[in-house]
Amino acid sequence: MKMLETIHILPVRAESAAPAPLRGKKLDQRAVLQVVRKVDWKKAGLIAGGVTVVCAAAGTASRYKFYQGIVARELKKQLAPLNDTLKIGRASCRERV
């Protein structure tokens, strides 16, 4: 079993936030290729995959809530006569006591 190292995040200055080839220059093909080569594709893939999983989970949860609301309304409509009967029965029981 491997031990995971702690990742320390260091503060980044505003001027060094952009990659060196892109700071203060126009975008040309060579600068873009240098940036693309420097990108850590494994991290980018993990981030993209994480975003995809979160979006899928959020979509599933919202659909679940939507259909749950529809089913609850339908049940309420179907059980309305039974609820009325129960209310009458409870009222008659209270009158007897």
PDB file of N, CA and C in Angstrom:
ATOM      1  N   MET A   1       0.850  -1.172   0.000  1.00  0.00           N
ATOM      2  CA  MET A   1       0.000   0.000   0.000  1.00  0.00           C
ATOM      3  C   MET A   1       0.898   1.239   0.000  1.00  0.00           C
ATOM      4  N   LYS A   2       0.641   2.163  -0.914  1.00  0.00           N
ATOM      5  CA  LYS A   2       1.455   3.369  -1.008  1.00  0.00           C
ATOM      6  C   LYS A   2       0.916   4.432  -0.059  1.00  0.00           C
ATOM      7  N   MET A   3       1.825   5.218   0.470  1.00  0.00           N
ATOM      8  CA  MET A   3       1.438   6.349   1.298  1.00  0.00           C
ATOM      9  C   MET A   3       1.271   7.556   0.382  1.00  0.00           C
ATOM     10  N   LEU A   4       0.176   8.287   0.555  1.00  0.00           N
ATOM     11  CA  LEU A   4      -0.043   9.482  -0.249  1.00  0.00           C
ATOM     12  C   LEU A   4       0.660  10.670   0.391  1.00  0.00           C
ATOM     13  N   GLU A   5       1.283  11.476  -0.431  1.00  0.00           N
ATOM     14  CA  GLU A   5       1.960  12.657   0.081  1.00  0.00           C
ATOM     15  C   GLU A   5       0.973  13.807   0.224  1.00  0.00           C
ATOM     16  N   THR A   6       1.237  14.677   1.172  1.00  0.00           N
ATOM     17  CA  THR A   6       0.410  15.860   1.336  1.00  0.00           C
ATOM     18  C   THR A   6       0.810  16.880   0.281  1.00  0.00           C
ATOM     19  N   ILE A   7      -0.178  17.467  -0.358  1.00  0.00           N
ATOM     20  CA  ILE A   7       0.087  18.457  -1.387  1.00  0.00           C
ATOM     21  C   ILE A   7      -0.011  19.835  -0.758  1.00  0.00           C
ATOM     22  N   HIS A   8       1.058  20.596  -0.856  1.00  0.00           N
ATOM     23  CA  HIS A   8       1.065  21.957  -0.330  1.00  0.00           C
ATOM     24  C   HIS A   8       0.784  22.919  -1.468  1.00  0.00           C
ATOM     25  N   ILE A   9      -0.203  23.778  -1.278  1.00  0.00           N
ATOM     26  CA  ILE A   9      -0.557  24.743  -2.304  1.00  0.00           C
ATOM     27  C   ILE A   9       0.082  26.075  -1.931  1.00  0.00           C
ATOM     28  N   LEU A  10       0.898  26.574  -2.833  1.00  0.00           N
ATOM     29  CA  LEU A  10       1.582  27.827  -2.595  1.00  0.00           C
ATOM     30  C   LEU A  10       0.818  28.965  -3.262  1.00  0.00           C
ATOM     31  N   PRO A  11       0.853  30.161  -2.669  1.00  0.00           N
ATOM     32  CA  PRO A  11       0.168  31.289  -3.303  1.00  0.00           C
ATOM     33  C   PRO A  11       0.825  31.630  -4.639  1.00  0.00           C
ATOM     34  N   VAL A  12       0.010  32.052  -5.593  1.00  0.00           N
ATOM     35  CA  VAL A  12       0.497  32.361  -6.931  1.00  0.00           C
ATOM     36  C   VAL A  12       0.278  33.843  -7.190  1.00  0.00           C
ATOM     37  N   ARG A  13       1.313  34.517  -7.667  1.00  0.00           N
ATOM     38  CA  ARG A  13       1.185  35.929  -8.009  1.00  0.00           C
ATOM     39  C   ARG A  13       0.358  36.073  -9.269  1.00  0.00           C
ATOM     40  N   ALA A  14      -0.300  37.234  -9.410  1.00  0.00           N
ATOM     41  CA  ALA A  14      -1.166  37.469 -10.561  1.00  0.00           C
ATOM     42  C   ALA A  14      -0.383  37.424 -11.863  1.00  0.00           C
ATOM     43  N   GLU A  15       0.848  37.958 -11.861  1.00  0.00           N
ATOM     44  CA  GLU A  15       1.597  37.983 -13.115  1.00  0.00           C
ATOM     45  C   GLU A  15       2.102  36.610 -13.512  1.00  0.00           C
ATOM     46  N   SER A  16       2.226  35.690 -12.554  1.00  0.00           N
ATOM     47  CA  SER A  16       2.704  34.360 -12.903  1.00  0.00           C
ATOM     48  C   SER A  16       1.562  33.357 -13.067  1.00  0.00           C
ATOM     49  N   ALA A  17       0.311  33.835 -12.974  1.00  0.00           N
ATOM     50  CA  ALA A  17      -0.828  32.927 -13.110  1.00  0.00           C
ATOM     51  C   ALA A  17      -0.936  32.406 -14.547  1.00  0.00           C
ATOM     52  N   ALA A  18      -0.625  33.261 -15.534  1.00  0.00           N
ATOM     53  CA  ALA A  18      -0.659  32.823 -16.930  1.00  0.00           C
ATOM     54  C   ALA A  18       0.666  32.143 -17.260  1.00  0.00           C
ATOM     55  N   PRO A  19       0.638  31.139 -18.116  1.00  0.00           N
ATOM     56  CA  PRO A  19       1.889  30.490 -18.506  1.00  0.00           C
ATOM     57  C   PRO A  19       2.847  31.496 -19.138  1.00  0.00           C
ATOM     58  N   ALA A  20       4.130  31.261 -18.962  1.00  0.00           N
ATOM     59  CA  ALA A  20       5.162  32.192 -19.427  1.00  0.00           C
ATOM     60  C   ALA A  20       5.042  32.552 -20.908  1.00  0.00           C
ATOM     61  N   PRO A  21       4.778  31.611 -21.819  1.00  0.00           N
ATOM     62  CA  PRO A  21       4.711  31.990 -23.227  1.00  0.00           C
ATOM     63  C   PRO A  21       3.535  32.915 -23.556  1.00  0.00           C
ATOM     64  N   LEU A  22       2.529  32.970 -22.685  1.00  0.00           N
ATOM     65  CA  LEU A  22       1.340  33.758 -22.998  1.00  0.00           C
ATOM     66  C   LEU A  22       1.329  35.130 -22.339  1.00  0.00           C
ATOM     67  N   ARG A  23       2.236  35.395 -21.422  1.00  0.00           N
ATOM     68  CA  ARG A  23       2.227  36.665 -20.700  1.00  0.00           C
ATOM     69  C   ARG A  23       2.664  37.810 -21.593  1.00  0.00           C
ATOM     70  N   GLY A  24       1.755  38.761 -21.791  1.00  0.00           N
ATOM     71  CA  GLY A  24       2.091  39.976 -22.514  1.00  0.00           C
ATOM     72  C   GLY A  24       2.382  39.793 -23.982  1.00  0.00           C
ATOM     73  N   LYS A  25       1.978  38.705 -24.576  1.00  0.00           N
ATOM     74  CA  LYS A  25       2.239  38.462 -25.994  1.00  0.00           C
ATOM     75  C   LYS A  25       0.937  38.099 -26.695  1.00  0.00           C
ATOM     76  N   LYS A  26       0.969  38.238 -28.000  1.00  0.00           N
ATOM     77  CA  LYS A  26      -0.166  37.753 -28.785  1.00  0.00           C
ATOM     78  C   LYS A  26      -0.078  36.231 -28.868  1.00  0.00           C
ATOM     79  N   LEU A  27      -1.221  35.623 -29.079  1.00  0.00           N
ATOM     80  CA  LEU A  27      -1.223  34.167 -29.223  1.00  0.00           C
ATOM     81  C   LEU A  27      -0.748  33.797 -30.624  1.00  0.00           C
ATOM     82  N   ASP A  28       0.314  33.069 -30.690  1.00  0.00           N
ATOM     83  CA  ASP A  28       0.722  32.506 -31.964  1.00  0.00           C
ATOM     84  C   ASP A  28       0.749  30.989 -31.809  1.00  0.00           C
ATOM     85  N   GLN A  29       0.921  30.309 -32.898  1.00  0.00           N
ATOM     86  CA  GLN A  29       0.821  28.850 -32.875  1.00  0.00           C
ATOM     87  C   GLN A  29       1.885  28.221 -31.975  1.00  0.00           C
ATOM     88  N   ARG A  30       3.077  28.767 -31.994  1.00  0.00           N
ATOM     89  CA  ARG A  30       4.154  28.185 -31.199  1.00  0.00           C
ATOM     90  C   ARG A  30       3.859  28.299 -29.699  1.00  0.00           C
ATOM     91  N   ALA A  31       3.352  29.482 -29.266  1.00  0.00           N
ATOM     92  CA  ALA A  31       3.047  29.676 -27.848  1.00  0.00           C
ATOM     93  C   ALA A  31       1.930  28.733 -27.407  1.00  0.00           C
ATOM     94  N   VAL A  32       0.939  28.571 -28.251  1.00  0.00           N
ATOM     95  CA  VAL A  32      -0.174  27.673 -27.913  1.00  0.00           C
ATOM     96  C   VAL A  32       0.331  26.246 -27.797  1.00  0.00           C
ATOM     97  N   LEU A  33       1.181  25.811 -28.699  1.00  0.00           N
ATOM     98  CA  LEU A  33       1.715  24.454 -28.645  1.00  0.00           C
ATOM     99  C   LEU A  33       2.555  24.229 -27.394  1.00  0.00           C
ATOM    100  N   GLN A  34       3.298  25.253 -26.975  1.00  0.00           N
ATOM    101  CA  GLN A  34       4.095  25.118 -25.754  1.00  0.00           C
ATOM    102  C   GLN A  34       3.195  24.943 -24.543  1.00  0.00           C
ATOM    103  N   VAL A  35       2.113  25.703 -24.494  1.00  0.00           N
ATOM    104  CA  VAL A  35       1.182  25.581 -23.371  1.00  0.00           C
ATOM    105  C   VAL A  35       0.511  24.215 -23.380  1.00  0.00           C
ATOM    106  N   VAL A  36       0.113  23.752 -24.557  1.00  0.00           N
ATOM    107  CA  VAL A  36      -0.541  22.445 -24.661  1.00  0.00           C
ATOM    108  C   VAL A  36       0.410  21.339 -24.227  1.00  0.00           C
ATOM    109  N   ARG A  37       1.677  21.468 -24.542  1.00  0.00           N
ATOM    110  CA  ARG A  37       2.640  20.455 -24.134  1.00  0.00           C
ATOM    111  C   ARG A  37       2.870  20.454 -22.634  1.00  0.00           C
ATOM    112  N   LYS A  38       2.737  21.630 -22.003  1.00  0.00           N
ATOM    113  CA  LYS A  38       2.987  21.731 -20.570  1.00  0.00           C
ATOM    114  C   LYS A  38       1.788  21.306 -19.721  1.00  0.00           C
ATOM    115  N   VAL A  39       0.633  21.181 -20.332  1.00  0.00           N
ATOM    116  CA  VAL A  39      -0.567  20.822 -19.576  1.00  0.00           C
ATOM    117  C   VAL A  39      -0.421  19.405 -19.036  1.00  0.00           C
ATOM    118  N   ASP A  40      -0.780  19.237 -17.783  1.00  0.00           N
ATOM    119  CA  ASP A  40      -0.781  17.902 -17.183  1.00  0.00           C
ATOM    120  C   ASP A  40      -2.113  17.247 -17.550  1.00  0.00           C
ATOM    121  N   TRP A  41      -2.098  16.428 -18.584  1.00  0.00           N
ATOM    122  CA  TRP A  41      -3.330  15.864 -19.125  1.00  0.00           C
ATOM    123  C   TRP A  41      -3.997  14.901 -18.154  1.00  0.00           C
ATOM    124  N   LYS A  42      -3.231  14.290 -17.289  1.00  0.00           N
ATOM    125  CA  LYS A  42      -3.819  13.386 -16.299  1.00  0.00           C
ATOM    126  C   LYS A  42      -4.703  14.168 -15.339  1.00  0.00           C
ATOM    127  N   LYS A  43      -4.180  15.323 -14.856  1.00  0.00           N
ATOM    128  CA  LYS A  43      -4.976  16.156 -13.961  1.00  0.00           C
ATOM    129  C   LYS A  43      -6.182  16.741 -14.682  1.00  0.00           C
ATOM    130  N   ALA A  44      -5.980  17.173 -15.921  1.00  0.00           N
ATOM    131  CA  ALA A  44      -7.086  17.734 -16.695  1.00  0.00           C
ATOM    132  C   ALA A  44      -8.172  16.684 -16.910  1.00  0.00           C
ATOM    133  N   GLY A  45      -7.769  15.459 -17.186  1.00  0.00           N
ATOM    134  CA  GLY A  45      -8.734  14.374 -17.365  1.00  0.00           C
ATOM    135  C   GLY A  45      -9.482  14.056 -16.087  1.00  0.00           C
ATOM    136  N   LEU A  46      -8.769  14.077 -14.962  1.00  0.00           N
ATOM    137  CA  LEU A  46      -9.427  13.827 -13.677  1.00  0.00           C
ATOM    138  C   LEU A  46     -10.445  14.914 -13.364  1.00  0.00           C
ATOM    139  N   ILE A  47     -10.081  16.157 -13.631  1.00  0.00           N
ATOM    140  CA  ILE A  47     -11.006  17.269 -13.380  1.00  0.00           C
ATOM    141  C   ILE A  47     -12.227  17.143 -14.283  1.00  0.00           C
ATOM    142  N   ALA A  48     -12.005  16.880 -15.562  1.00  0.00           N
ATOM    143  CA  ALA A  48     -13.122  16.736 -16.495  1.00  0.00           C
ATOM    144  C   ALA A  48     -14.016  15.558 -16.101  1.00  0.00           C
ATOM    145  N   GLY A  49     -13.412  14.458 -15.706  1.00  0.00           N
ATOM    146  CA  GLY A  49     -14.197  13.309 -15.265  1.00  0.00           C
ATOM    147  C   GLY A  49     -14.988  13.598 -14.010  1.00  0.00           C
ATOM    148  N   GLY A  50     -14.369  14.323 -13.077  1.00  0.00           N
ATOM    149  CA  GLY A  50     -15.081  14.700 -11.850  1.00  0.00           C
ATOM    150  C   GLY A  50     -16.268  15.596 -12.133  1.00  0.00           C
ATOM    151  N   VAL A  51     -16.080  16.549 -13.025  1.00  0.00           N
ATOM    152  CA  VAL A  51     -17.180  17.443 -13.393  1.00  0.00           C
ATOM    153  C   VAL A  51     -18.304  16.645 -14.044  1.00  0.00           C
ATOM    154  N   THR A  52     -17.941  15.697 -14.891  1.00  0.00           N
ATOM    155  CA  THR A  52     -18.954  14.865 -15.549  1.00  0.00           C
ATOM    156  C   THR A  52     -19.750  14.054 -14.530  1.00  0.00           C
ATOM    157  N   VAL A  53     -19.070  13.471 -13.565  1.00  0.00           N
ATOM    158  CA  VAL A  53     -19.744  12.668 -12.543  1.00  0.00           C
ATOM    159  C   VAL A  53     -20.680  13.537 -11.702  1.00  0.00           C
ATOM    160  N   VAL A  54     -20.220  14.723 -11.322  1.00  0.00           N
ATOM    161  CA  VAL A  54     -21.050  15.616 -10.511  1.00  0.00           C
ATOM    162  C   VAL A  54     -22.286  16.062 -11.292  1.00  0.00           C
ATOM    163  N   CYS A  55     -22.101  16.402 -12.561  1.00  0.00           N
ATOM    164  CA  CYS A  55     -23.244  16.817 -13.384  1.00  0.00           C
ATOM    165  C   CYS A  55     -24.240  15.673 -13.565  1.00  0.00           C
ATOM    166  N   ALA A  56     -23.748  14.478 -13.766  1.00  0.00           N
ATOM    167  CA  ALA A  56     -24.638  13.325 -13.919  1.00  0.00           C
ATOM    168  C   ALA A  56     -25.408  13.062 -12.630  1.00  0.00           C
ATOM    169  N   ALA A  57     -24.729  13.163 -11.490  1.00  0.00           N
ATOM    170  CA  ALA A  57     -25.407  12.943 -10.208  1.00  0.00           C
ATOM    171  C   ALA A  57     -26.450  14.026  -9.952  1.00  0.00           C
ATOM    172  N   ALA A  58     -26.120  15.269 -10.279  1.00  0.00           N
ATOM    173  CA  ALA A  58     -27.080  16.358 -10.079  1.00  0.00           C
ATOM    174  C   ALA A  58     -28.295  16.177 -10.984  1.00  0.00           C
ATOM    175  N   GLY A  59     -28.073  15.759 -12.215  1.00  0.00           N
ATOM    176  CA  GLY A  59     -29.183  15.510 -13.136  1.00  0.00           C
ATOM    177  C   GLY A  59     -30.077  14.387 -12.655  1.00  0.00           C
ATOM    178  N   THR A  60     -29.467  13.327 -12.168  1.00  0.00           N
ATOM    179  CA  THR A  60     -30.248  12.199 -11.655  1.00  0.00           C
ATOM    180  C   THR A  60     -31.066  12.606 -10.436  1.00  0.00           C
ATOM    181  N   ALA A  61     -30.457  13.364  -9.540  1.00  0.00           N
ATOM    182  CA  ALA A  61     -31.171  13.809  -8.338  1.00  0.00           C
ATOM    183  C   ALA A  61     -32.328  14.727  -8.689  1.00  0.00           C
ATOM    184  N   SER A  62     -32.131  15.624  -9.650  1.00  0.00           N
ATOM    185  CA  SER A  62     -33.215  16.531 -10.018  1.00  0.00           C
ATOM    186  C   SER A  62     -34.362  15.782 -10.686  1.00  0.00           C
ATOM    187  N   ARG A  63     -34.035  14.802 -11.541  1.00  0.00           N
ATOM    188  CA  ARG A  63     -35.094  13.995 -12.150  1.00  0.00           C
ATOM    189  C   ARG A  63     -35.848  13.197 -11.091  1.00  0.00           C
ATOM    190  N   TYR A  64     -35.132  12.668 -10.109  1.00  0.00           N
ATOM    191  CA  TYR A  64     -35.765  11.919  -9.022  1.00  0.00           C
ATOM    192  C   TYR A  64     -36.750  12.802  -8.276  1.00  0.00           C
ATOM    193  N   LYS A  65     -36.328  14.025  -7.916  1.00  0.00           N
ATOM    194  CA  LYS A  65     -37.211  14.942  -7.191  1.00  0.00           C
ATOM    195  C   LYS A  65     -38.422  15.312  -8.034  1.00  0.00           C
ATOM    196  N   PHE A  66     -38.219  15.542  -9.338  1.00  0.00           N
ATOM    197  CA  PHE A  66     -39.309  15.910 -10.235  1.00  0.00           C
ATOM    198  C   PHE A  66     -40.366  14.807 -10.263  1.00  0.00           C
ATOM    199  N   TYR A  67     -39.937  13.571 -10.525  1.00  0.00           N
ATOM    200  CA  TYR A  67     -40.890  12.471 -10.604  1.00  0.00           C
ATOM    201  C   TYR A  67     -41.477  12.125  -9.240  1.00  0.00           C
ATOM    202  N   GLN A  68     -40.720  12.330  -8.186  1.00  0.00           N
ATOM    203  CA  GLN A  68     -41.249  12.101  -6.840  1.00  0.00           C
ATOM    204  C   GLN A  68     -42.411  13.055  -6.571  1.00  0.00           C
ATOM    205  N   GLY A  69     -42.295  14.303  -6.997  1.00  0.00           N
ATOM    206  CA  GLY A  69     -43.372  15.277  -6.839  1.00  0.00           C
ATOM    207  C   GLY A  69     -44.613  14.881  -7.621  1.00  0.00           C
ATOM    208  N   ILE A  70     -44.411  14.379  -8.838  1.00  0.00           N
ATOM    209  CA  ILE A  70     -45.552  13.946  -9.659  1.00  0.00           C
ATOM    210  C   ILE A  70     -46.269  12.781  -8.991  1.00  0.00           C
ATOM    211  N   VAL A  71     -45.527  11.812  -8.518  1.00  0.00           N
ATOM    212  CA  VAL A  71     -46.127  10.637  -7.868  1.00  0.00           C
ATOM    213  C   VAL A  71     -46.859  11.053  -6.590  1.00  0.00           C
ATOM    214  N   ALA A  72     -46.276  11.977  -5.829  1.00  0.00           N
ATOM    215  CA  ALA A  72     -46.924  12.418  -4.595  1.00  0.00           C
ATOM    216  C   ALA A  72     -48.265  13.097  -4.894  1.00  0.00           C
ATOM    217  N   ARG A  73     -48.311  13.922  -5.938  1.00  0.00           N
ATOM    218  CA  ARG A  73     -49.585  14.578  -6.299  1.00  0.00           C
ATOM    219  C   ARG A  73     -50.622  13.563  -6.738  1.00  0.00           C
ATOM    220  N   GLU A  74     -50.205  12.575  -7.540  1.00  0.00           N
ATOM    221  CA  GLU A  74     -51.148  11.553  -7.998  1.00  0.00           C
ATOM    222  C   GLU A  74     -51.686  10.728  -6.829  1.00  0.00           C
ATOM    223  N   LEU A  75     -50.821  10.358  -5.903  1.00  0.00           N
ATOM    224  CA  LEU A  75     -51.281   9.601  -4.737  1.00  0.00           C
ATOM    225  C   LEU A  75     -52.255  10.418  -3.899  1.00  0.00           C
ATOM    226  N   LYS A  76     -51.955  11.698  -3.754  1.00  0.00           N
ATOM    227  CA  LYS A  76     -52.837  12.564  -2.970  1.00  0.00           C
ATOM    228  C   LYS A  76     -54.229  12.633  -3.608  1.00  0.00           C
ATOM    229  N   LYS A  77     -54.266  12.709  -4.949  1.00  0.00           N
ATOM    230  CA  LYS A  77     -55.554  12.736  -5.656  1.00  0.00           C
ATOM    231  C   LYS A  77     -56.302  11.416  -5.461  1.00  0.00           C
ATOM    232  N   GLN A  78     -55.578  10.299  -5.579  1.00  0.00           N
ATOM    233  CA  GLN A  78     -56.226   8.992  -5.484  1.00  0.00           C
ATOM    234  C   GLN A  78     -56.680   8.670  -4.069  1.00  0.00           C
ATOM    235  N   LEU A  79     -55.971   9.179  -3.069  1.00  0.00           N
ATOM    236  CA  LEU A  79     -56.314   8.875  -1.685  1.00  0.00           C
ATOM    237  C   LEU A  79     -57.265   9.894  -1.058  1.00  0.00           C
ATOM    238  N   ALA A  80     -57.662  10.913  -1.806  1.00  0.00           N
ATOM    239  CA  ALA A  80     -58.556  11.946  -1.265  1.00  0.00           C
ATOM    240  C   ALA A  80     -59.876  11.354  -0.744  1.00  0.00           C
ATOM    241  N   PRO A  81     -60.558  10.453  -1.496  1.00  0.00           N
ATOM    242  CA  PRO A  81     -61.805   9.882  -0.959  1.00  0.00           C
ATOM    243  C   PRO A  81     -61.581   9.097   0.345  1.00  0.00           C
ATOM    244  N   LEU A  82     -60.498   8.367   0.424  1.00  0.00           N
ATOM    245  CA  LEU A  82     -60.189   7.608   1.637  1.00  0.00           C
ATOM    246  C   LEU A  82     -59.931   8.548   2.808  1.00  0.00           C
ATOM    247  N   ASN A  83     -59.207   9.657   2.556  1.00  0.00           N
ATOM    248  CA  ASN A  83     -58.957  10.633   3.605  1.00  0.00           C
ATOM    249  C   ASN A  83     -60.252  11.253   4.113  1.00  0.00           C
ATOM    250  N   ASP A  84     -61.179  11.537   3.197  1.00  0.00           N
ATOM    251  CA  ASP A  84     -62.471  12.087   3.607  1.00  0.00           C
ATOM    252  C   ASP A  84     -63.222  11.095   4.501  1.00  0.00           C
ATOM    253  N   THR A  85     -63.201   9.829   4.130  1.00  0.00           N
ATOM    254  CA  THR A  85     -63.856   8.787   4.929  1.00  0.00           C
ATOM    255  C   THR A  85     -63.221   8.700   6.313  1.00  0.00           C
ATOM    256  N   LEU A  86     -61.902   8.759   6.380  1.00  0.00           N
ATOM    257  CA  LEU A  86     -61.207   8.714   7.665  1.00  0.00           C
ATOM    258  C   LEU A  86     -61.547   9.920   8.536  1.00  0.00           C
ATOM    259  N   LYS A  87     -61.661  11.089   7.931  1.00  0.00           N
ATOM    260  CA  LYS A  87     -62.018  12.286   8.694  1.00  0.00           C
ATOM    261  C   LYS A  87     -63.411  12.145   9.297  1.00  0.00           C
ATOM    262  N   ILE A  88     -64.338  11.592   8.516  1.00  0.00           N
ATOM    263  CA  ILE A  88     -65.697  11.385   9.019  1.00  0.00           C
ATOM    264  C   ILE A  88     -65.680  10.371  10.159  1.00  0.00           C
ATOM    265  N   GLY A  89     -64.924   9.300   9.999  1.00  0.00           N
ATOM    266  CA  GLY A  89     -64.816   8.272  11.036  1.00  0.00           C
ATOM    267  C   GLY A  89     -64.211   8.829  12.309  1.00  0.00           C
ATOM    268  N   ARG A  90     -63.199   9.640  12.216  1.00  0.00           N
ATOM    269  CA  ARG A  90     -62.575  10.252  13.401  1.00  0.00           C
ATOM    270  C   ARG A  90     -63.530  11.198  14.110  1.00  0.00           C
ATOM    271  N   ALA A  91     -64.251  11.955  13.290  1.00  0.00           N
ATOM    272  CA  ALA A  91     -65.206  12.888  13.897  1.00  0.00           C
ATOM    273  C   ALA A  91     -66.307  12.140  14.664  1.00  0.00           C
ATOM    274  N   SER A  92     -66.774  11.042  14.096  1.00  0.00           N
ATOM    275  CA  SER A  92     -67.814  10.272  14.777  1.00  0.00           C
ATOM    276  C   SER A  92     -67.269   9.613  16.052  1.00  0.00           C
ATOM    277  N   CYS A  93     -66.010   9.195  16.046  1.00  0.00           N
ATOM    278  CA  CYS A  93     -65.402   8.606  17.246  1.00  0.00           C
ATOM    279  C   CYS A  93     -65.267   9.658  18.341  1.00  0.00           C
ATOM    280  N   ARG A  94     -64.929  10.877  17.987  1.00  0.00           N
ATOM    281  CA  ARG A  94     -64.788  11.940  18.987  1.00  0.00           C
ATOM    282  C   ARG A  94     -66.151  12.309  19.592  1.00  0.00           C
ATOM    283  N   GLU A  95     -67.181  12.226  18.797  1.00  0.00           N
ATOM    284  CA  GLU A  95     -68.522  12.540  19.303  1.00  0.00           C
ATOM    285  C   GLU A  95     -68.989  11.483  20.311  1.00  0.00           C
ATOM    286  N   ARG A  96     -68.600  10.253  20.103  1.00  0.00           N
ATOM    287  CA  ARG A  96     -69.008   9.166  21.004  1.00  0.00           C
ATOM    288  C   ARG A  96     -68.345   9.291  22.368  1.00  0.00           C
ATOM    289  N   VAL A  97     -67.129   9.824  22.384  1.00  0.00           N
ATOM    290  CA  VAL A  97     -66.383   9.886  23.637  1.00  0.00           C
ATOM    291  C   VAL A  97     -66.827  11.048  24.427  1.00  0.00           C
TER     292      VAL A  97
END
